[in-house]
């Protein structure tokens, strides 16, 4: 069986699940209600709130990706001190694989039950510690409130993707640094971190793309307004005021696709560099 034939199921899957929907979205962005070609749909970017929504998505994705990447890398570093076939390793691997996929309505409900206005932690802080975390407003249902839920699944995803690169660091390098009179600090500052930086940056870009495209958690938490880009697409599709349309939502989606294309391109470049020494 030829290699092309073996890859055909995957190629068909990619075409049906990714390429075809993306093509339909792009085409819809340039079509008007009568089926003609138009650029008028992109006027939606001049509407109030659309630019701010994209700005919110960008800073939210960058912040949670950075926090998730740093925290995940620290956990990976701590795991180096444990046996790979040990209990701690298996527990962290299982938890990371599960929590990296934990999102949507379930994650939103968990944070509402924990940190909502009547959540367990909120009531404990308010009644026992005399601390009102919502003294200046109900921030949980705003883009700021999405930071904690997003980090909740970003950090495990970083552990899953970054640990293999850290675990494959050649042990001989640290021994060589020690033979030259250097310590652990010298090794990480001059050898380990520079070698791991491409893998770390590829993980950061993956987390950025993951957060930028996330929808369900934000949709469940933010019920009022469309304060991030994915919610703007939803608003354009289901608007009851007559302002929304398939073409307008397609234009917004094209804007998101353009940003994602840049991130994926950067990810591919960094991943190529990081894989050059892991082979």
Protein backbone atom coordinates (compact mmCIF):
# COMPACT_ATOMS: atom_id res chain seq x y z
CA UNK A 1 0.00 0.00 0.00
CA UNK A 2 1.49 3.34 -1.04
CA UNK A 3 2.10 6.13 1.43
CA UNK A 4 -0.36 8.38 -0.43
CA UNK A 5 -3.12 5.79 -0.02
CA UNK A 6 -2.35 5.41 3.68
CA UNK A 7 -2.68 9.15 4.17
CA UNK A 8 -5.92 9.45 2.20
CA UNK A 9 -8.28 9.08 5.23
CA UNK A 10 -6.46 11.91 7.01
CA UNK A 11 -6.47 14.07 3.88
CA UNK A 12 -10.22 13.52 3.44
CA UNK A 13 -10.78 14.37 7.10
CA UNK A 14 -8.80 17.61 6.83
CA UNK A 15 -10.61 18.62 3.65
CA UNK A 16 -14.08 17.93 5.05
CA UNK A 17 -13.57 19.24 8.59
CA UNK A 18 -11.20 22.17 8.03
CA UNK A 19 -10.59 23.20 4.42
CA UNK A 20 -14.22 23.04 3.22
CA UNK A 21 -15.73 24.95 6.18
CA UNK A 22 -12.97 27.58 5.93
CA UNK A 23 -13.62 27.98 2.20
CA UNK A 24 -17.38 28.35 2.79
CA UNK A 25 -16.73 31.00 5.45
CA UNK A 26 -14.43 32.97 3.15
CA UNK A 27 -16.90 32.81 0.25
CA UNK A 28 -19.79 33.92 2.48
CA UNK A 29 -17.78 36.98 3.53
CA UNK A 30 -17.77 38.23 -0.08
CA UNK A 31 -21.44 37.45 -0.88
CA UNK A 32 -24.45 39.69 -0.40
CA UNK A 33 -28.02 38.63 0.29
CA UNK A 34 -28.80 38.12 -3.40
CA UNK A 35 -25.72 35.99 -4.03
CA UNK A 36 -23.59 38.66 -5.72
CA UNK A 37 -20.02 39.51 -4.90
CA UNK A 38 -19.46 42.41 -2.51
CA UNK A 39 -17.04 43.94 -0.04
CA UNK A 40 -19.79 45.62 1.96
CA UNK A 41 -19.81 42.84 4.57
CA UNK A 42 -16.45 44.06 5.87
CA UNK A 43 -18.08 47.33 6.93
CA UNK A 44 -18.99 45.45 10.09
CA UNK A 45 -15.49 46.22 11.36
CA UNK A 46 -16.57 49.87 11.58
CA UNK A 47 -19.39 49.08 13.98
CA UNK A 48 -18.94 50.09 17.63
CA UNK A 49 -17.53 47.32 19.76
CA UNK A 50 -16.12 45.12 17.00
CA UNK A 51 -12.59 46.51 17.19
CA UNK A 52 -12.69 46.40 20.99
CA UNK A 53 -13.84 42.76 20.85
CA UNK A 54 -10.87 41.78 18.69
CA UNK A 55 -8.59 43.76 20.99
CA UNK A 56 -10.01 41.91 24.01
CA UNK A 57 -9.44 38.57 22.29
CA UNK A 58 -5.84 39.48 21.50
CA UNK A 59 -4.84 40.56 25.00
CA UNK A 60 -6.82 37.75 26.62
CA UNK A 61 -5.15 35.15 24.39
CA UNK A 62 -1.68 36.63 24.89
CA UNK A 63 -2.05 36.92 28.67
CA UNK A 64 -3.48 33.44 29.26
CA UNK A 65 -1.00 31.89 26.81
CA UNK A 66 1.93 33.54 28.62
CA UNK A 67 0.64 32.56 32.06
CA UNK A 68 -0.20 29.02 30.96
CA UNK A 69 3.16 28.61 29.24
CA UNK A 70 5.20 29.80 32.24
CA UNK A 71 3.20 27.80 34.80
CA UNK A 72 3.20 24.72 32.59
CA UNK A 73 6.96 24.99 32.04
CA UNK A 74 7.52 25.19 35.81
CA UNK A 75 5.48 22.02 36.31
CA UNK A 76 7.50 20.31 33.56
CA UNK A 77 10.71 21.34 35.31
CA UNK A 78 9.42 19.92 38.59
CA UNK A 79 8.51 16.64 36.85
CA UNK A 80 12.13 16.15 35.84
CA UNK A 81 12.83 15.22 39.46
CA UNK A 82 10.44 12.26 39.36
CA UNK A 83 10.70 8.89 37.66
CA UNK A 84 8.85 8.75 34.35
CA UNK A 85 7.20 5.47 35.35
CA UNK A 86 6.33 6.72 38.83
CA UNK A 87 2.97 7.56 40.38
CA UNK A 88 3.48 11.34 40.27
CA UNK A 89 4.27 11.25 36.56
CA UNK A 90 1.24 9.13 35.76
CA UNK A 91 -1.06 11.35 37.83
CA UNK A 92 0.20 14.56 36.23
CA UNK A 93 0.00 13.07 32.73
CA UNK A 94 -3.56 11.85 33.29
CA UNK A 95 -4.67 15.12 34.89
CA UNK A 96 -3.04 17.25 32.18
CA UNK A 97 -4.54 15.22 29.34
CA UNK A 98 -8.00 15.46 30.92
CA UNK A 99 -7.96 19.09 32.08
CA UNK A 100 -6.55 20.38 28.77
CA UNK A 101 -9.84 19.25 27.20
CA UNK A 102 -12.04 20.46 30.05
CA UNK A 103 -13.86 23.57 28.93
CA UNK A 104 -17.14 24.90 27.64
CA UNK A 105 -20.29 24.98 29.76
CA UNK A 106 -18.89 22.55 32.36
CA UNK A 107 -15.88 24.77 33.07
CA UNK A 108 -18.06 27.89 33.15
CA UNK A 109 -20.44 26.22 35.61
CA UNK A 110 -17.50 25.14 37.80
CA UNK A 111 -16.28 28.74 38.06
CA UNK A 112 -19.78 30.11 38.64
CA UNK A 113 -20.31 27.59 41.46
CA UNK A 114 -16.90 28.42 42.91
CA UNK A 115 -16.33 32.12 42.24
CA UNK A 116 -19.78 33.35 41.27
CA UNK A 117 -21.64 35.90 43.38
CA UNK A 118 -22.98 33.06 45.54
CA UNK A 119 -20.09 30.67 44.90
CA UNK A 120 -18.48 28.65 47.68
CA UNK A 121 -15.16 30.49 47.63
CA UNK A 122 -16.86 33.88 47.25
CA UNK A 123 -19.12 33.27 50.27
CA UNK A 124 -16.21 31.98 52.36
CA UNK A 125 -14.11 35.05 51.59
CA UNK A 126 -17.04 37.40 52.16
CA UNK A 127 -18.45 35.90 55.37
CA UNK A 128 -15.36 34.46 57.04
CA UNK A 129 -12.42 36.50 55.74
CA UNK A 130 -14.45 39.70 55.24
CA UNK A 131 -13.07 40.07 51.72
CA UNK A 132 -15.44 41.05 48.93
CA UNK A 133 -13.80 40.15 45.62
CA UNK A 134 -16.66 41.88 43.79
CA UNK A 135 -16.53 45.15 45.69
CA UNK A 136 -15.69 47.00 42.47
CA UNK A 137 -18.01 45.11 40.15
CA UNK A 138 -18.91 41.62 38.93
CA UNK A 139 -15.72 40.99 36.90
CA UNK A 140 -16.31 37.22 36.46
CA UNK A 141 -18.73 37.84 33.59
CA UNK A 142 -16.37 40.11 31.67
CA UNK A 143 -13.24 39.38 29.59
CA UNK A 144 -11.18 39.83 32.77
CA UNK A 145 -13.19 37.01 34.32
CA UNK A 146 -12.18 34.69 31.47
CA UNK A 147 -8.50 34.82 32.47
CA UNK A 148 -8.74 32.22 35.25
CA UNK A 149 -10.93 29.73 33.31
CA UNK A 150 -8.67 29.99 30.28
CA UNK A 151 -5.50 29.42 32.33
CA UNK A 152 -7.27 26.39 33.82
CA UNK A 153 -7.04 24.56 30.47
CA UNK A 154 -4.03 26.41 29.06
CA UNK A 155 -1.54 25.23 31.68
CA UNK A 156 -2.32 21.49 31.26
CA UNK A 157 -2.05 21.86 27.49
CA UNK A 158 1.42 23.38 27.92
CA UNK A 159 2.47 20.47 30.13
CA UNK A 160 1.36 17.97 27.50
CA UNK A 161 3.15 19.75 24.66
CA UNK A 162 6.29 21.07 26.39
CA UNK A 163 7.37 18.22 28.66
CA UNK A 164 8.64 15.95 25.83
CA UNK A 165 11.06 18.68 24.72
CA UNK A 166 12.30 19.26 28.26
CA UNK A 167 12.64 15.54 28.96
CA UNK A 168 14.73 15.05 25.80
CA UNK A 169 17.39 17.54 26.83
CA UNK A 170 20.63 15.52 26.61
CA UNK A 171 21.89 14.73 30.11
CA UNK A 172 25.44 14.91 28.80
CA UNK A 173 25.09 18.67 28.40
CA UNK A 174 24.59 19.29 32.12
CA UNK A 175 27.48 16.95 32.86
CA UNK A 176 29.68 18.86 30.42
CA UNK A 177 28.80 22.17 32.07
CA UNK A 178 29.57 20.69 35.48
CA UNK A 179 32.96 19.43 34.24
CA UNK A 180 33.75 22.97 33.07
CA UNK A 181 33.00 24.31 36.54
CA UNK A 182 29.48 25.56 35.94
CA UNK A 183 26.48 24.93 38.14
CA UNK A 184 22.81 24.32 37.48
CA UNK A 185 22.19 28.05 37.03
CA UNK A 186 24.88 28.28 34.36
CA UNK A 187 23.46 25.26 32.55
CA UNK A 188 19.92 26.59 32.37
CA UNK A 189 20.92 30.17 31.56
CA UNK A 190 23.45 29.40 28.84
CA UNK A 191 22.42 25.97 27.49
CA UNK A 192 19.05 24.66 28.63
CA UNK A 193 16.88 27.75 28.17
CA UNK A 194 18.32 28.72 24.75
CA UNK A 195 17.75 25.17 23.50
CA UNK A 196 14.23 25.00 24.90
CA UNK A 197 13.17 28.48 23.78
CA UNK A 198 11.92 27.36 20.31
CA UNK A 199 9.79 24.63 21.92
CA UNK A 200 8.56 27.08 24.56
CA UNK A 201 7.60 29.64 21.91
CA UNK A 202 5.81 27.01 19.82
CA UNK A 203 3.87 26.03 22.94
CA UNK A 204 3.03 29.68 23.61
CA UNK A 205 1.74 30.13 20.05
CA UNK A 206 -0.33 26.95 20.34
CA UNK A 207 -1.87 28.26 23.57
CA UNK A 208 -2.52 31.65 21.95
CA UNK A 209 -4.39 30.00 19.07
CA UNK A 210 -6.29 27.80 21.52
CA UNK A 211 -7.47 30.80 23.56
CA UNK A 212 -8.21 33.02 20.56
CA UNK A 213 -10.55 30.42 19.04
CA UNK A 214 -12.22 29.38 22.32
CA UNK A 215 -15.96 30.01 22.28
CA UNK A 216 -18.09 27.82 24.56
CA UNK A 217 -16.61 28.89 27.91
CA UNK A 218 -16.93 32.58 27.05
CA UNK A 219 -20.44 32.10 25.65
CA UNK A 220 -21.55 30.46 28.91
CA UNK A 221 -19.93 33.04 31.19
CA UNK A 222 -20.59 36.26 29.25
CA UNK A 223 -24.32 36.39 28.66
CA UNK A 224 -24.52 40.14 28.06
CA UNK A 225 -22.75 41.72 25.10
CA UNK A 226 -20.20 40.34 22.66
CA UNK A 227 -16.95 41.34 24.25
CA UNK A 228 -14.57 39.01 22.39
CA UNK A 229 -14.24 38.10 18.71
CA UNK A 230 -15.97 34.66 18.73
CA UNK A 231 -18.99 36.20 20.46
CA UNK A 232 -19.12 38.91 17.80
CA UNK A 233 -19.48 36.16 15.18
CA UNK A 234 -22.35 34.67 17.17
CA UNK A 235 -24.02 38.07 17.49
CA UNK A 236 -23.77 38.64 13.73
CA UNK A 237 -25.43 35.28 13.08
CA UNK A 238 -28.31 35.50 15.56
CA UNK A 239 -28.92 39.25 15.73
CA UNK A 240 -32.62 40.04 16.07
CA UNK A 241 -32.21 43.69 15.14
CA UNK A 242 -31.69 43.09 11.44
CA UNK A 243 -28.05 44.19 11.59
CA UNK A 244 -26.61 40.69 11.54
CA UNK A 245 -26.24 38.48 8.49
CA UNK A 246 -24.35 35.48 7.20
CA UNK A 247 -22.07 37.74 5.19
CA UNK A 248 -21.24 39.94 8.19
CA UNK A 249 -20.45 36.92 10.34
CA UNK A 250 -18.32 35.55 7.52
CA UNK A 251 -16.35 38.81 7.39
CA UNK A 252 -15.71 38.61 11.13
CA UNK A 253 -14.65 34.99 10.77
CA UNK A 254 -12.26 35.95 7.96
CA UNK A 255 -10.69 38.48 10.32
CA UNK A 256 -10.20 35.73 12.88
CA UNK A 257 -8.84 33.37 10.21
CA UNK A 258 -6.29 35.97 9.15
CA UNK A 259 -4.99 36.28 12.71
CA UNK A 260 -4.97 32.50 13.11
CA UNK A 261 -3.09 32.10 9.82
CA UNK A 262 -0.34 34.39 11.11
CA UNK A 263 -0.13 32.46 14.38
CA UNK A 264 -0.08 29.08 12.62
CA UNK A 265 2.63 30.31 10.25
CA UNK A 266 4.78 31.47 13.15
CA UNK A 267 4.10 28.18 14.94
CA UNK A 268 5.26 26.18 11.92
CA UNK A 269 8.49 28.19 11.67
CA UNK A 270 9.28 27.85 15.37
CA UNK A 271 8.30 24.17 15.45
CA UNK A 272 10.67 23.44 12.56
CA UNK A 273 13.52 24.99 14.51
CA UNK A 274 12.62 23.23 17.75
CA UNK A 275 12.40 19.82 16.06
CA UNK A 276 15.82 20.15 14.43
CA UNK A 277 17.62 19.01 17.61
CA UNK A 278 14.93 16.68 18.99
CA UNK A 279 15.18 14.17 16.15
